[in-house]
Amino acid sequence: MPLERIIYDADSTHSWEEAVNTRRTVMHFAGLKAVCESVAQPLAYYDNNVQGSVVLAETMAAHDVRTLVFSSSATVYGEPYAVPIRAEG
């Protein structure tokens, strides 16, 4: 099955309902990640990153979608000692 890219408002239940309705897996790349901007706009980042992810998880549960691939960014961790960055430390 080919991948389909869908772009929606991260905290919109209606958008997620439409997006996950016929899917078995969700790849979540909707998080905001600019550290300086998140300090200046914490509520916007909370709304998108936390509340948007909660709405997605609830919608996935309602549609029995059990697989989530979540992407995080190395931006929040500073400069790496080595590349690629290993998940276990």
C-alpha atoms as a PDB file:
ATOM      1  CA  MET A   1       0.000   0.000   0.000  1.00  0.00           C
ATOM      2  CA  PRO A   2       1.509   3.376  -0.970  1.00  0.00           C
ATOM      3  CA  LEU A   3       2.022   6.148   1.549  1.00  0.00           C
ATOM      4  CA  GLU A   4      -0.367   9.056   1.386  1.00  0.00           C
ATOM      5  CA  ARG A   5       0.614  12.464   2.710  1.00  0.00           C
ATOM      6  CA  ILE A   6      -2.233  14.275   4.438  1.00  0.00           C
ATOM      7  CA  ILE A   7      -1.871  17.761   5.899  1.00  0.00           C
ATOM      8  CA  TYR A   8      -4.360  18.852   8.566  1.00  0.00           C
ATOM      9  CA  ASP A   9      -4.744  21.160  11.518  1.00  0.00           C
ATOM     10  CA  ALA A  10      -3.082  19.214  14.348  1.00  0.00           C
ATOM     11  CA  ASP A  11      -5.705  19.996  16.991  1.00  0.00           C
ATOM     12  CA  SER A  12      -8.809  19.540  14.854  1.00  0.00           C
ATOM     13  CA  THR A  13     -10.843  16.441  15.723  1.00  0.00           C
ATOM     14  CA  HIS A  14     -12.662  16.709  12.395  1.00  0.00           C
ATOM     15  CA  SER A  15      -9.379  16.684  10.480  1.00  0.00           C
ATOM     16  CA  TRP A  16      -8.083  13.641  12.367  1.00  0.00           C
ATOM     17  CA  GLU A  17     -11.403  11.809  11.945  1.00  0.00           C
ATOM     18  CA  GLU A  18     -11.081  12.176   8.199  1.00  0.00           C
ATOM     19  CA  ALA A  19      -7.377  11.322   8.199  1.00  0.00           C
ATOM     20  CA  VAL A  20      -7.493   8.098  10.256  1.00  0.00           C
ATOM     21  CA  ASN A  21     -10.894   6.797   9.210  1.00  0.00           C
ATOM     22  CA  THR A  22      -9.516   4.221   6.747  1.00  0.00           C
ATOM     23  CA  ARG A  23      -5.894   3.936   7.927  1.00  0.00           C
ATOM     24  CA  ARG A  24      -4.087   1.341  10.010  1.00  0.00           C
ATOM     25  CA  THR A  25      -0.956   3.395  10.730  1.00  0.00           C
ATOM     26  CA  VAL A  26      -0.320   7.079  11.419  1.00  0.00           C
ATOM     27  CA  MET A  27       3.044   8.795  11.000  1.00  0.00           C
ATOM     28  CA  HIS A  28       3.002  11.949  13.151  1.00  0.00           C
ATOM     29  CA  PHE A  29       5.337  14.747  12.031  1.00  0.00           C
ATOM     30  CA  ALA A  30       3.150  17.655  13.158  1.00  0.00           C
ATOM     31  CA  GLY A  31       5.173  18.819  16.160  1.00  0.00           C
ATOM     32  CA  LEU A  32       6.632  22.306  16.350  1.00  0.00           C
ATOM     33  CA  LYS A  33      10.279  22.362  17.396  1.00  0.00           C
ATOM     34  CA  ALA A  34      11.896  25.803  17.439  1.00  0.00           C
ATOM     35  CA  VAL A  35      13.228  26.161  20.986  1.00  0.00           C
ATOM     36  CA  CYS A  36      13.438  29.976  21.047  1.00  0.00           C
ATOM     37  CA  GLU A  37       9.983  30.313  19.528  1.00  0.00           C
ATOM     38  CA  SER A  38       8.531  27.843  22.036  1.00  0.00           C
ATOM     39  CA  VAL A  39       9.807  30.023  24.882  1.00  0.00           C
ATOM     40  CA  ALA A  40       8.192  33.077  23.312  1.00  0.00           C
ATOM     41  CA  GLN A  41       4.928  31.271  22.451  1.00  0.00           C
ATOM     42  CA  PRO A  42       4.496  28.446  24.988  1.00  0.00           C
ATOM     43  CA  LEU A  43       0.720  28.192  24.675  1.00  0.00           C
ATOM     44  CA  ALA A  44       0.861  27.843  20.903  1.00  0.00           C
ATOM     45  CA  TYR A  45       3.410  25.049  21.280  1.00  0.00           C
ATOM     46  CA  TYR A  46       1.358  23.348  24.001  1.00  0.00           C
ATOM     47  CA  ASP A  47      -1.771  23.563  21.866  1.00  0.00           C
ATOM     48  CA  ASN A  48      -0.077  22.069  18.815  1.00  0.00           C
ATOM     49  CA  ASN A  49       2.327  19.565  20.367  1.00  0.00           C
ATOM     50  CA  VAL A  50       0.424  18.342  23.413  1.00  0.00           C
ATOM     51  CA  GLN A  51      -3.246  18.954  22.707  1.00  0.00           C
ATOM     52  CA  GLY A  52      -2.892  18.075  19.023  1.00  0.00           C
ATOM     53  CA  SER A  53      -1.246  14.769  19.940  1.00  0.00           C
ATOM     54  CA  VAL A  54      -3.966  14.010  22.516  1.00  0.00           C
ATOM     55  CA  VAL A  55      -6.689  14.620  19.922  1.00  0.00           C
ATOM     56  CA  LEU A  56      -4.835  12.382  17.476  1.00  0.00           C
ATOM     57  CA  ALA A  57      -4.452   9.580  20.049  1.00  0.00           C
ATOM     58  CA  GLU A  58      -8.137   9.765  21.009  1.00  0.00           C
ATOM     59  CA  THR A  59      -9.197   9.703  17.375  1.00  0.00           C
ATOM     60  CA  MET A  60      -6.894   6.772  16.623  1.00  0.00           C
ATOM     61  CA  ALA A  61      -8.388   4.864  19.568  1.00  0.00           C
ATOM     62  CA  ALA A  62     -11.932   5.595  18.373  1.00  0.00           C
ATOM     63  CA  HIS A  63     -11.060   4.116  14.957  1.00  0.00           C
ATOM     64  CA  ASP A  64      -8.991   1.224  16.322  1.00  0.00           C
ATOM     65  CA  VAL A  65      -5.812   2.547  14.673  1.00  0.00           C
ATOM     66  CA  ARG A  66      -3.067   1.013  16.819  1.00  0.00           C
ATOM     67  CA  THR A  67       0.192   1.914  15.096  1.00  0.00           C
ATOM     68  CA  LEU A  68       1.777   5.336  15.525  1.00  0.00           C
ATOM     69  CA  VAL A  69       5.161   6.362  14.187  1.00  0.00           C
ATOM     70  CA  PHE A  70       6.133   9.530  16.054  1.00  0.00           C
ATOM     71  CA  SER A  71       8.982  11.694  14.873  1.00  0.00           C
ATOM     72  CA  SER A  72      10.995  13.721  17.309  1.00  0.00           C
ATOM     73  CA  SER A  73      13.670  16.262  16.519  1.00  0.00           C
ATOM     74  CA  ALA A  74      17.241  16.383  17.719  1.00  0.00           C
ATOM     75  CA  THR A  75      16.787  20.177  17.862  1.00  0.00           C
ATOM     76  CA  VAL A  76      15.735  20.000  21.499  1.00  0.00           C
ATOM     77  CA  TYR A  77      18.756  17.966  22.575  1.00  0.00           C
ATOM     78  CA  GLY A  78      21.539  20.319  21.478  1.00  0.00           C
ATOM     79  CA  GLU A  79      24.607  19.398  19.474  1.00  0.00           C
ATOM     80  CA  PRO A  80      25.195  15.636  19.175  1.00  0.00           C
ATOM     81  CA  TYR A  81      28.471  13.974  20.114  1.00  0.00           C
ATOM     82  CA  ALA A  82      28.209  11.756  17.062  1.00  0.00           C
ATOM     83  CA  VAL A  83      25.966  11.327  14.039  1.00  0.00           C
ATOM     84  CA  PRO A  84      23.740   9.451  13.637  1.00  0.00           C
ATOM     85  CA  ILE A  85      22.260   9.941  17.092  1.00  0.00           C
ATOM     86  CA  ARG A  86      21.598   6.568  18.707  1.00  0.00           C
ATOM     87  CA  ALA A  87      18.192   6.112  20.322  1.00  0.00           C
ATOM     88  CA  GLU A  88      19.598   4.442  23.443  1.00  0.00           C
ATOM     89  CA  GLY A  89      21.788   7.298  24.423  1.00  0.00           C
END
